[in-house]
C-alpha atoms as a PDB file:
ATOM      1  CA  MET A   1      95.959 141.381 136.066  1.00  0.00           C
ATOM      2  CA  GLY A   2      99.486 140.262 135.855  1.00  0.00           C
ATOM      3  CA  LEU A   3     101.212 137.913 133.489  1.00  0.00           C
ATOM      4  CA  PHE A   4     100.972 134.938 135.831  1.00  0.00           C
ATOM      5  CA  ASP A   5      97.385 135.476 136.960  1.00  0.00           C
ATOM      6  CA  GLY A   6      95.973 132.910 134.597  1.00  0.00           C
ATOM      7  CA  TRP A   7      94.185 131.171 137.421  1.00  0.00           C
ATOM      8  CA  ARG A   8      92.014 134.275 137.791  1.00  0.00           C
ATOM      9  CA  ARG A   9      90.861 134.196 134.215  1.00  0.00           C
ATOM     10  CA  LYS A  10      87.927 132.030 133.365  1.00  0.00           C
ATOM     11  CA  ARG A  11      88.581 129.584 130.600  1.00  0.00           C
ATOM     12  CA  LYS A  12      85.853 128.507 128.289  1.00  0.00           C
ATOM     13  CA  ARG A  13      85.708 124.783 127.813  1.00  0.00           C
ATOM     14  CA  GLU A  14      85.213 123.581 124.312  1.00  0.00           C
ATOM     15  CA  ALA A  15      82.839 120.731 123.726  1.00  0.00           C
ATOM     16  CA  THR A  16      84.358 117.610 122.242  1.00  0.00           C
ATOM     17  CA  VAL A  17      82.937 116.497 118.935  1.00  0.00           C
ATOM     18  CA  LYS A  18      82.577 112.830 118.124  1.00  0.00           C
ATOM     19  CA  LEU A  19      82.531 111.945 114.465  1.00  0.00           C
ATOM     20  CA  GLN A  20      80.657 108.916 113.256  1.00  0.00           C
ATOM     21  CA  GLU A  21      80.975 107.071 110.005  1.00  0.00           C
ATOM     22  CA  PRO A  22      77.908 107.010 107.800  1.00  0.00           C
ATOM     23  CA  LYS A  23      75.995 103.792 108.176  1.00  0.00           C
ATOM     24  CA  MET A  24      75.742 101.485 105.184  1.00  0.00           C
ATOM     25  CA  SER A  25      72.919  99.190 104.430  1.00  0.00           C
ATOM     26  CA  LYS A  26      73.571  95.545 105.292  1.00  0.00           C
ATOM     27  CA  SER A  27      73.536  94.398 101.653  1.00  0.00           C
ATOM     28  CA  VAL A  28      76.162  96.950 100.638  1.00  0.00           C
ATOM     29  CA  GLU A  29      78.183  96.102 103.734  1.00  0.00           C
ATOM     30  CA  SER A  30      78.177  92.373 102.936  1.00  0.00           C
ATOM     31  CA  GLU A  31      79.177  93.017  99.306  1.00  0.00           C
ATOM     32  CA  VAL A  32      82.057  95.214 100.396  1.00  0.00           C
ATOM     33  CA  SER A  33      83.262  92.664 102.958  1.00  0.00           C
ATOM     34  CA  GLU A  34      83.098  89.846 100.356  1.00  0.00           C
ATOM     35  CA  ASP A  35      85.121  91.921  97.893  1.00  0.00           C
ATOM     36  CA  ILE A  36      87.701  92.659 100.568  1.00  0.00           C
ATOM     37  CA  LYS A  37      87.965  88.985 101.535  1.00  0.00           C
ATOM     38  CA  GLU A  38      88.462  87.928  97.899  1.00  0.00           C
ATOM     39  CA  SER A  39      91.129  90.567  97.282  1.00  0.00           C
ATOM     40  CA  GLU A  40      92.907  89.613 100.520  1.00  0.00           C
ATOM     41  CA  GLN A  41      92.929  85.957  99.466  1.00  0.00           C
ATOM     42  CA  VAL A  42      94.450  86.834  96.102  1.00  0.00           C
ATOM     43  CA  ASP A  43      96.980  89.095  97.802  1.00  0.00           C
ATOM     44  CA  THR A  44      97.806  86.418 100.346  1.00  0.00           C
ATOM     45  CA  VAL A  45      98.333  83.751  97.679  1.00  0.00           C
ATOM     46  CA  SER A  46     100.613  85.993  95.611  1.00  0.00           C
ATOM     47  CA  LEU A  47     102.501  87.157  98.695  1.00  0.00           C
ATOM     48  CA  VAL A  48     103.031  83.586  99.896  1.00  0.00           C
ATOM     49  CA  ALA A  49     104.364  82.648  96.440  1.00  0.00           C
ATOM     50  CA  GLU A  50     106.697  85.656  96.505  1.00  0.00           C
ATOM     51  CA  TYR A  51     107.812  84.764 100.039  1.00  0.00           C
ATOM     52  CA  GLU A  52     108.663  81.190  99.039  1.00  0.00           C
ATOM     53  CA  ARG A  53     110.538  82.417  95.936  1.00  0.00           C
ATOM     54  CA  LEU A  54     112.599  84.806  98.058  1.00  0.00           C
ATOM     55  CA  ILE A  55     113.460  82.081 100.565  1.00  0.00           C
ATOM     56  CA  GLN A  56     114.664  79.818  97.740  1.00  0.00           C
ATOM     57  CA  ARG A  57     116.753  82.628  96.245  1.00  0.00           C
ATOM     58  CA  LYS A  58     118.315  83.325  99.650  1.00  0.00           C
ATOM     59  CA  GLU A  59     119.327  79.677 100.006  1.00  0.00           C
ATOM     60  CA  ILE A  60     120.759  79.629  96.468  1.00  0.00           C
ATOM     61  CA  LEU A  61     122.825  82.735  97.238  1.00  0.00           C
ATOM     62  CA  GLN A  62     124.257  81.049 100.339  1.00  0.00           C
ATOM     63  CA  VAL A  63     125.297  78.041  98.260  1.00  0.00           C
ATOM     64  CA  GLU A  64     126.846  80.317  95.621  1.00  0.00           C
ATOM     65  CA  ARG A  65     128.854  82.133  98.286  1.00  0.00           C
ATOM     66  CA  GLY A  66     130.164  78.795  99.558  1.00  0.00           C
ATOM     67  CA  GLU A  67     131.132  77.706  96.040  1.00  0.00           C
ATOM     68  CA  LEU A  68     132.845  81.038  95.439  1.00  0.00           C
ATOM     69  CA  THR A  69     134.883  80.661  98.619  1.00  0.00           C
ATOM     70  CA  ALA A  70     135.825  77.127  97.613  1.00  0.00           C
ATOM     71  CA  LYS A  71     137.012  78.384  94.209  1.00  0.00           C
ATOM     72  CA  LEU A  72     139.198  80.956  95.930  1.00  0.00           C
ATOM     73  CA  ASP A  73     140.657  78.305  98.237  1.00  0.00           C
ATOM     74  CA  ARG A  74     141.464  76.058  95.263  1.00  0.00           C
ATOM     75  CA  GLY A  75     143.050  78.971  93.376  1.00  0.00           C
ATOM     76  CA  GLU A  76     140.561  78.886  90.495  1.00  0.00           C
ATOM     77  CA  ILE A  77     139.713  82.564  90.929  1.00  0.00           C
ATOM     78  CA  GLU A  78     141.836  85.597  91.748  1.00  0.00           C
ATOM     79  CA  ALA A  79     141.258  87.652  94.879  1.00  0.00           C
ATOM     80  CA  ASP A  80     140.043  90.743  92.983  1.00  0.00           C
ATOM     81  CA  ASP A  81     137.499  88.736  90.978  1.00  0.00           C
ATOM     82  CA  PHE A  82     136.432  86.938  94.149  1.00  0.00           C
ATOM     83  CA  ARG A  83     135.902  90.245  95.939  1.00  0.00           C
ATOM     84  CA  LYS A  84     133.824  91.675  93.082  1.00  0.00           C
ATOM     85  CA  GLU A  85     131.616  88.600  92.794  1.00  0.00           C
ATOM     86  CA  LEU A  86     131.279  88.278  96.550  1.00  0.00           C
ATOM     87  CA  MET A  87     130.183  91.905  96.876  1.00  0.00           C
ATOM     88  CA  ASP A  88     127.590  91.340  94.128  1.00  0.00           C
ATOM     89  CA  ARG A  89     126.269  88.289  95.978  1.00  0.00           C
ATOM     90  CA  ILE A  90     126.191  90.138  99.295  1.00  0.00           C
ATOM     91  CA  GLN A  91     124.351  93.082  97.760  1.00  0.00           C
ATOM     92  CA  GLU A  92     121.772  90.799  96.151  1.00  0.00           C
ATOM     93  CA  ALA A  93     121.355  88.894  99.419  1.00  0.00           C
ATOM     94  CA  ALA A  94     120.713  92.172 101.239  1.00  0.00           C
ATOM     95  CA  GLU A  95     118.038  93.130  98.693  1.00  0.00           C
ATOM     96  CA  VAL A  96     116.433  89.683  98.995  1.00  0.00           C
ATOM     97  CA  SER A  97     116.440  89.915 102.794  1.00  0.00           C
ATOM     98  CA  ASP A  98     114.839  93.353 102.675  1.00  0.00           C
ATOM     99  CA  LYS A  99     112.138  92.163 100.251  1.00  0.00           C
ATOM    100  CA  LEU A 100     111.617  89.094 102.426  1.00  0.00           C
ATOM    101  CA  ARG A 101     111.119  91.265 105.507  1.00  0.00           C
ATOM    102  CA  VAL A 102     108.620  93.505 103.697  1.00  0.00           C
ATOM    103  CA  THR A 103     106.693  90.518 102.317  1.00  0.00           C
ATOM    104  CA  ALA A 104     106.589  88.871 105.740  1.00  0.00           C
ATOM    105  CA  ALA A 105     105.272  92.101 107.264  1.00  0.00           C
ATOM    106  CA  LYS A 106     102.537  92.330 104.628  1.00  0.00           C
ATOM    107  CA  LEU A 107     101.534  88.712 105.219  1.00  0.00           C
ATOM    108  CA  THR A 108     101.448  89.259 108.952  1.00  0.00           C
ATOM    109  CA  SER A 109      99.297  92.370 108.531  1.00  0.00           C
ATOM    110  CA  LEU A 110      96.837  90.316 106.454  1.00  0.00           C
ATOM    111  CA  GLY A 111      96.614  87.797 109.277  1.00  0.00           C
ATOM    112  CA  TYR A 112      98.653  85.036 107.647  1.00  0.00           C
ATOM    113  CA  ARG A 113     100.332  83.023 110.390  1.00  0.00           C
ATOM    114  CA  GLY A 114     102.569  80.791 108.264  1.00  0.00           C
ATOM    115  CA  VAL A 115     105.525  83.174 108.360  1.00  0.00           C
ATOM    116  CA  LEU A 116     107.868  81.865 111.011  1.00  0.00           C
ATOM    117  CA  HIS A 117     111.309  82.455 109.494  1.00  0.00           C
END
């Protein structure tokens, strides 16, 4: 047989194996589902609180950036100081936005539909 005579060889077909999860009794299953629901509710409440806190912080940072720009326009702050403070605000805003995105994703994965921002 040659190298490309694979069609002549018989191939053995392997049987597919289907794995099944062990079955739980209904009482254990209901206890587990109740525990999961309670933990999800606690997680959802804390995540919603965190989400609202992050939204408020994001709005505060926007106001601070506006005030900082106004100070620069009025000459109350030098350009170097403005740049340093602005970069700090931008970096914090980026961290807040990233945390906000992660929190929103977690809430969405838990089935919370109140995240529309």
